[in-house]
PDB file of all heavy atoms in Angstrom:
ATOM      1  N   LEU A   1       2.437   5.404   2.269  1.00  0.00           N
ATOM      2  CA  LEU A   1       1.156   4.748   2.064  1.00  0.00           C
ATOM      3  C   LEU A   1       1.198   3.394   2.756  1.00  0.00           C
ATOM      4  O   LEU A   1       2.121   2.616   2.538  1.00  0.00           O
ATOM      5  CB  LEU A   1       0.865   4.572   0.569  1.00  0.00           C
ATOM      6  CG  LEU A   1      -0.403   3.798   0.202  1.00  0.00           C
ATOM      7  CD1 LEU A   1      -1.653   4.524   0.707  1.00  0.00           C
ATOM      8  CD2 LEU A   1      -0.496   3.585  -1.316  1.00  0.00           C
ATOM      9  N   ILE A   2       0.210   3.133   3.600  1.00  0.00           N
ATOM     10  CA  ILE A   2       0.089   1.831   4.249  1.00  0.00           C
ATOM     11  C   ILE A   2      -1.097   1.115   3.642  1.00  0.00           C
ATOM     12  O   ILE A   2      -2.255   1.458   3.915  1.00  0.00           O
ATOM     13  CB  ILE A   2      -0.090   1.940   5.773  1.00  0.00           C
ATOM     14  CG1 ILE A   2       0.999   2.830   6.387  1.00  0.00           C
ATOM     15  CG2 ILE A   2      -0.067   0.557   6.412  1.00  0.00           C
ATOM     16  CD1 ILE A   2       0.500   4.131   6.938  1.00  0.00           C
ATOM     17  N   SER A   3      -0.837   0.148   2.758  1.00  0.00           N
ATOM     18  CA  SER A   3      -1.898  -0.648   2.152  1.00  0.00           C
ATOM     19  C   SER A   3      -2.300  -1.746   3.123  1.00  0.00           C
ATOM     20  O   SER A   3      -1.446  -2.433   3.687  1.00  0.00           O
ATOM     21  CB  SER A   3      -1.422  -1.271   0.829  1.00  0.00           C
ATOM     22  OG  SER A   3      -1.225  -0.281  -0.155  1.00  0.00           O
ATOM     23  N   LEU A   4      -3.596  -1.926   3.317  1.00  0.00           N
ATOM     24  CA  LEU A   4      -4.092  -2.909   4.273  1.00  0.00           C
ATOM     25  C   LEU A   4      -4.696  -4.113   3.557  1.00  0.00           C
ATOM     26  O   LEU A   4      -5.384  -3.964   2.546  1.00  0.00           O
ATOM     27  CB  LEU A   4      -5.131  -2.265   5.185  1.00  0.00           C
ATOM     28  CG  LEU A   4      -4.611  -1.106   6.048  1.00  0.00           C
ATOM     29  CD1 LEU A   4      -5.753  -0.441   6.793  1.00  0.00           C
ATOM     30  CD2 LEU A   4      -3.542  -1.596   7.023  1.00  0.00           C
ATOM     31  N   THR A   5      -4.452  -5.296   4.064  1.00  0.00           N
ATOM     32  CA  THR A   5      -4.871  -6.581   3.505  1.00  0.00           C
ATOM     33  C   THR A   5      -4.106  -6.868   2.212  1.00  0.00           C
ATOM     34  O   THR A   5      -3.338  -7.811   2.132  1.00  0.00           O
ATOM     35  CB  THR A   5      -6.390  -6.645   3.242  1.00  0.00           C
ATOM     36  OG1 THR A   5      -7.091  -6.281   4.441  1.00  0.00           O
ATOM     37  CG2 THR A   5      -6.800  -8.050   2.812  1.00  0.00           C
ATOM     38  N   ALA A   6      -4.355  -6.068   1.176  1.00  0.00           N
ATOM     39  CA  ALA A   6      -3.634  -6.132  -0.101  1.00  0.00           C
ATOM     40  C   ALA A   6      -3.701  -4.746  -0.710  1.00  0.00           C
ATOM     41  O   ALA A   6      -4.649  -4.000  -0.467  1.00  0.00           O
ATOM     42  CB  ALA A   6      -4.260  -7.165  -1.038  1.00  0.00           C
ATOM     43  N   PRO A   7      -2.695  -4.359  -1.503  1.00  0.00           N
ATOM     44  CA  PRO A   7      -2.732  -3.011  -2.088  1.00  0.00           C
ATOM     45  C   PRO A   7      -3.865  -2.860  -3.089  1.00  0.00           C
ATOM     46  O   PRO A   7      -4.273  -3.816  -3.740  1.00  0.00           O
ATOM     47  CB  PRO A   7      -1.361  -2.873  -2.763  1.00  0.00           C
ATOM     48  CG  PRO A   7      -0.886  -4.283  -2.972  1.00  0.00           C
ATOM     49  CD  PRO A   7      -1.463  -5.095  -1.859  1.00  0.00           C
ATOM     50  N   LYS A   8      -4.394  -1.655  -3.181  1.00  0.00           N
ATOM     51  CA  LYS A   8      -5.455  -1.341  -4.129  1.00  0.00           C
ATOM     52  C   LYS A   8      -4.829  -0.783  -5.409  1.00  0.00           C
ATOM     53  O   LYS A   8      -3.686  -0.333  -5.411  1.00  0.00           O
ATOM     54  CB  LYS A   8      -6.428  -0.335  -3.520  1.00  0.00           C
ATOM     55  CG  LYS A   8      -6.826  -0.617  -2.076  1.00  0.00           C
ATOM     56  CD  LYS A   8      -7.344  -2.013  -1.858  1.00  0.00           C
ATOM     57  CE  LYS A   8      -7.717  -2.289  -0.410  1.00  0.00           C
ATOM     58  NZ  LYS A   8      -6.577  -2.398   0.506  1.00  0.00           N
ATOM     59  N   LYS A   9      -5.572  -0.797  -6.510  1.00  0.00           N
ATOM     60  CA  LYS A   9      -5.027  -0.380  -7.801  1.00  0.00           C
ATOM     61  C   LYS A   9      -4.511   1.055  -7.770  1.00  0.00           C
ATOM     62  O   LYS A   9      -3.563   1.398  -8.486  1.00  0.00           O
ATOM     63  CB  LYS A   9      -6.081  -0.549  -8.894  1.00  0.00           C
ATOM     64  CG  LYS A   9      -6.350  -2.003  -9.247  1.00  0.00           C
ATOM     65  CD  LYS A   9      -7.351  -2.137 -10.381  1.00  0.00           C
ATOM     66  CE  LYS A   9      -7.564  -3.597 -10.753  1.00  0.00           C
ATOM     67  NZ  LYS A   9      -8.553  -3.752 -11.852  1.00  0.00           N
ATOM     68  N   ALA A  10      -5.107   1.893  -6.957  1.00  0.00           N
ATOM     69  CA  ALA A  10      -4.643   3.279  -6.852  1.00  0.00           C
ATOM     70  C   ALA A  10      -3.194   3.359  -6.411  1.00  0.00           C
ATOM     71  O   ALA A  10      -2.477   4.305  -6.756  1.00  0.00           O
ATOM     72  CB  ALA A  10      -5.527   4.063  -5.884  1.00  0.00           C
ATOM     73  N   ALA A  11      -2.734   2.357  -5.652  1.00  0.00           N
ATOM     74  CA  ALA A  11      -1.363   2.361  -5.146  1.00  0.00           C
ATOM     75  C   ALA A  11      -0.334   2.303  -6.258  1.00  0.00           C
ATOM     76  O   ALA A  11       0.830   2.675  -6.062  1.00  0.00           O
ATOM     77  CB  ALA A  11      -1.156   1.210  -4.169  1.00  0.00           C
ATOM     78  N   LEU A  12      -0.737   1.838  -7.453  1.00  0.00           N
ATOM     79  CA  LEU A  12       0.179   1.826  -8.591  1.00  0.00           C
ATOM     80  C   LEU A  12       0.542   3.239  -9.027  1.00  0.00           C
ATOM     81  O   LEU A  12       1.523   3.438  -9.742  1.00  0.00           O
ATOM     82  CB  LEU A  12      -0.452   1.064  -9.757  1.00  0.00           C
ATOM     83  CG  LEU A  12      -0.642  -0.448  -9.534  1.00  0.00           C
ATOM     84  CD1 LEU A  12      -1.527  -1.037 -10.631  1.00  0.00           C
ATOM     85  CD2 LEU A  12       0.704  -1.163  -9.492  1.00  0.00           C
ATOM     86  N   HIS A  13      -0.234   4.226  -8.602  1.00  0.00           N
ATOM     87  CA  HIS A  13       0.023   5.624  -8.930  1.00  0.00           C
ATOM     88  C   HIS A  13       0.722   6.361  -7.790  1.00  0.00           C
ATOM     89  O   HIS A  13       0.962   7.571  -7.895  1.00  0.00           O
ATOM     90  CB  HIS A  13      -1.292   6.330  -9.272  1.00  0.00           C
ATOM     91  CG  HIS A  13      -2.044   5.683 -10.403  1.00  0.00           C
ATOM     92  ND1 HIS A  13      -1.765   5.951 -11.729  1.00  0.00           N
ATOM     93  CD2 HIS A  13      -3.052   4.763 -10.408  1.00  0.00           C
ATOM     94  CE1 HIS A  13      -2.571   5.229 -12.501  1.00  0.00           C
ATOM     95  NE2 HIS A  13      -3.356   4.507 -11.730  1.00  0.00           N
ATOM     96  N   PHE A  14       1.032   5.665  -6.713  1.00  0.00           N
ATOM     97  CA  PHE A  14       1.693   6.272  -5.559  1.00  0.00           C
ATOM     98  C   PHE A  14       3.145   6.593  -5.899  1.00  0.00           C
ATOM     99  O   PHE A  14       3.864   5.749  -6.434  1.00  0.00           O
ATOM    100  CB  PHE A  14       1.627   5.311  -4.367  1.00  0.00           C
ATOM    101  CG  PHE A  14       2.436   5.730  -3.184  1.00  0.00           C
ATOM    102  CD1 PHE A  14       2.110   6.862  -2.457  1.00  0.00           C
ATOM    103  CD2 PHE A  14       3.537   4.972  -2.782  1.00  0.00           C
ATOM    104  CE1 PHE A  14       2.860   7.239  -1.348  1.00  0.00           C
ATOM    105  CE2 PHE A  14       4.292   5.339  -1.679  1.00  0.00           C
ATOM    106  CZ  PHE A  14       3.955   6.478  -0.961  1.00  0.00           C
ATOM    107  N   ARG A  15       3.580   7.808  -5.576  1.00  0.00           N
ATOM    108  CA  ARG A  15       4.934   8.243  -5.906  1.00  0.00           C
ATOM    109  C   ARG A  15       5.721   8.675  -4.675  1.00  0.00           C
ATOM    110  O   ARG A  15       6.773   9.297  -4.786  1.00  0.00           O
ATOM    111  CB  ARG A  15       4.878   9.403  -6.910  1.00  0.00           C
ATOM    112  CG  ARG A  15       4.294   9.008  -8.275  1.00  0.00           C
ATOM    113  CD  ARG A  15       5.165   7.992  -8.973  1.00  0.00           C
ATOM    114  NE  ARG A  15       4.617   7.590 -10.274  1.00  0.00           N
ATOM    115  CZ  ARG A  15       3.888   6.505 -10.470  1.00  0.00           C
ATOM    116  NH1 ARG A  15       3.609   5.716  -9.441  1.00  0.00           N
ATOM    117  NH2 ARG A  15       3.423   6.198 -11.655  1.00  0.00           N
ATOM    118  N   GLY A  16       5.236   8.364  -3.505  1.00  0.00           N
ATOM    119  CA  GLY A  16       5.938   8.714  -2.277  1.00  0.00           C
ATOM    120  C   GLY A  16       7.126   7.804  -2.014  1.00  0.00           C
ATOM    121  O   GLY A  16       7.413   6.864  -2.779  1.00  0.00           O
ATOM    122  N   ARG A  17       7.816   8.037  -0.909  1.00  0.00           N
ATOM    123  CA  ARG A  17       9.034   7.285  -0.595  1.00  0.00           C
ATOM    124  C   ARG A  17       8.777   5.925   0.033  1.00  0.00           C
ATOM    125  O   ARG A  17       9.559   4.985  -0.166  1.00  0.00           O
ATOM    126  CB  ARG A  17       9.914   8.114   0.358  1.00  0.00           C
ATOM    127  CG  ARG A  17      10.510   9.353  -0.257  1.00  0.00           C
ATOM    128  CD  ARG A  17      11.435  10.043   0.734  1.00  0.00           C
ATOM    129  NE  ARG A  17      10.701  10.553   1.898  1.00  0.00           N
ATOM    130  CZ  ARG A  17      11.280  11.047   2.975  1.00  0.00           C
ATOM    131  NH1 ARG A  17      12.603  11.094   3.053  1.00  0.00           N
ATOM    132  NH2 ARG A  17      10.544  11.516   3.974  1.00  0.00           N
ATOM    133  N   TYR A  18       7.716   5.798   0.780  1.00  0.00           N
ATOM    134  CA  TYR A  18       7.512   4.585   1.566  1.00  0.00           C
ATOM    135  C   TYR A  18       6.146   3.968   1.283  1.00  0.00           C
ATOM    136  O   TYR A  18       5.117   4.627   1.417  1.00  0.00           O
ATOM    137  CB  TYR A  18       7.604   4.887   3.067  1.00  0.00           C
ATOM    138  CG  TYR A  18       8.833   5.656   3.472  1.00  0.00           C
ATOM    139  CD1 TYR A  18       8.742   6.993   3.857  1.00  0.00           C
ATOM    140  CD2 TYR A  18      10.092   5.054   3.474  1.00  0.00           C
ATOM    141  CE1 TYR A  18       9.864   7.703   4.233  1.00  0.00           C
ATOM    142  CE2 TYR A  18      11.222   5.763   3.852  1.00  0.00           C
ATOM    143  CZ  TYR A  18      11.106   7.091   4.231  1.00  0.00           C
ATOM    144  OH  TYR A  18      12.214   7.789   4.593  1.00  0.00           O
ATOM    145  N   HIS A  19       6.150   2.697   0.919  1.00  0.00           N
ATOM    146  CA  HIS A  19       4.911   1.950   0.736  1.00  0.00           C
ATOM    147  C   HIS A  19       5.022   0.652   1.531  1.00  0.00           C
ATOM    148  O   HIS A  19       5.886  -0.180   1.269  1.00  0.00           O
ATOM    149  CB  HIS A  19       4.667   1.649  -0.753  1.00  0.00           C
ATOM    150  CG  HIS A  19       3.345   0.999  -1.020  1.00  0.00           C
ATOM    151  ND1 HIS A  19       3.034   0.419  -2.247  1.00  0.00           N
ATOM    152  CD2 HIS A  19       2.245   0.828  -0.236  1.00  0.00           C
ATOM    153  CE1 HIS A  19       1.806  -0.057  -2.198  1.00  0.00           C
ATOM    154  NE2 HIS A  19       1.314   0.170  -0.999  1.00  0.00           N
ATOM    155  N   TYR A  20       4.168   0.528   2.521  1.00  0.00           N
ATOM    156  CA  TYR A  20       4.150  -0.667   3.351  1.00  0.00           C
ATOM    157  C   TYR A  20       2.835  -1.418   3.182  1.00  0.00           C
ATOM    158  O   TYR A  20       1.775  -0.811   2.994  1.00  0.00           O
ATOM    159  CB  TYR A  20       4.325  -0.304   4.834  1.00  0.00           C
ATOM    160  CG  TYR A  20       5.755  -0.043   5.238  1.00  0.00           C
ATOM    161  CD1 TYR A  20       6.297   1.235   5.179  1.00  0.00           C
ATOM    162  CD2 TYR A  20       6.576  -1.082   5.684  1.00  0.00           C
ATOM    163  CE1 TYR A  20       7.613   1.484   5.548  1.00  0.00           C
ATOM    164  CE2 TYR A  20       7.893  -0.843   6.061  1.00  0.00           C
ATOM    165  CZ  TYR A  20       8.404   0.430   5.997  1.00  0.00           C
ATOM    166  OH  TYR A  20       9.705   0.669   6.357  1.00  0.00           O
ATOM    167  N   LEU A  21       2.926  -2.736   3.257  1.00  0.00           N
ATOM    168  CA  LEU A  21       1.748  -3.586   3.332  1.00  0.00           C
ATOM    169  C   LEU A  21       1.535  -3.934   4.792  1.00  0.00           C
ATOM    170  O   LEU A  21       2.467  -4.345   5.489  1.00  0.00           O
ATOM    171  CB  LEU A  21       1.956  -4.860   2.507  1.00  0.00           C
ATOM    172  CG  LEU A  21       0.835  -5.901   2.563  1.00  0.00           C
ATOM    173  CD1 LEU A  21      -0.443  -5.344   1.946  1.00  0.00           C
ATOM    174  CD2 LEU A  21       1.272  -7.180   1.845  1.00  0.00           C
ATOM    175  N   GLY A  22       0.329  -3.752   5.277  1.00  0.00           N
ATOM    176  CA  GLY A  22       0.024  -4.034   6.673  1.00  0.00           C
ATOM    177  C   GLY A  22      -1.213  -4.892   6.808  1.00  0.00           C
ATOM    178  O   GLY A  22      -2.013  -5.015   5.876  1.00  0.00           O
ATOM    179  N   GLY A  23      -1.391  -5.452   7.982  1.00  0.00           N
ATOM    180  CA  GLY A  23      -2.538  -6.301   8.229  1.00  0.00           C
ATOM    181  C   GLY A  23      -2.213  -7.748   8.001  1.00  0.00           C
ATOM    182  O   GLY A  23      -2.716  -8.378   7.077  1.00  0.00           O
ATOM    183  N   ARG A  24      -1.365  -8.278   8.841  1.00  0.00           N
ATOM    184  CA  ARG A  24      -0.921  -9.672   8.688  1.00  0.00           C
ATOM    185  C   ARG A  24      -1.974 -10.616   9.288  1.00  0.00           C
ATOM    186  O   ARG A  24      -1.762 -11.254  10.313  1.00  0.00           O
ATOM    187  CB  ARG A  24       0.436  -9.851   9.381  1.00  0.00           C
ATOM    188  CG  ARG A  24       1.125 -11.163   9.072  1.00  0.00           C
ATOM    189  CD  ARG A  24       2.487 -11.208   9.754  1.00  0.00           C
ATOM    190  NE  ARG A  24       3.202 -12.430   9.443  1.00  0.00           N
ATOM    191  CZ  ARG A  24       4.451 -12.689   9.870  1.00  0.00           C
ATOM    192  NH1 ARG A  24       5.091 -11.792  10.598  1.00  0.00           N
ATOM    193  NH2 ARG A  24       5.032 -13.818   9.541  1.00  0.00           N
ATOM    194  N   PHE A  25      -3.123 -10.654   8.619  1.00  0.00           N
ATOM    195  CA  PHE A  25      -4.218 -11.455   9.158  1.00  0.00           C
ATOM    196  C   PHE A  25      -4.959 -12.244   8.074  1.00  0.00           C
ATOM    197  O   PHE A  25      -5.950 -12.901   8.367  1.00  0.00           O
ATOM    198  CB  PHE A  25      -5.224 -10.573   9.896  1.00  0.00           C
ATOM    199  CG  PHE A  25      -5.656  -9.349   9.123  1.00  0.00           C
ATOM    200  CD1 PHE A  25      -6.490  -9.451   8.028  1.00  0.00           C
ATOM    201  CD2 PHE A  25      -5.211  -8.090   9.505  1.00  0.00           C
ATOM    202  CE1 PHE A  25      -6.876  -8.339   7.318  1.00  0.00           C
ATOM    203  CE2 PHE A  25      -5.598  -6.959   8.805  1.00  0.00           C
ATOM    204  CZ  PHE A  25      -6.444  -7.079   7.714  1.00  0.00           C
TER     205      PHE A  25
END
């Protein structure tokens, strides 16, 4: 999961191996 700007609440339910924050702006 690539969360953009800031993670959304749904990401708290993510169970995959990789979670990245993107959008360094």
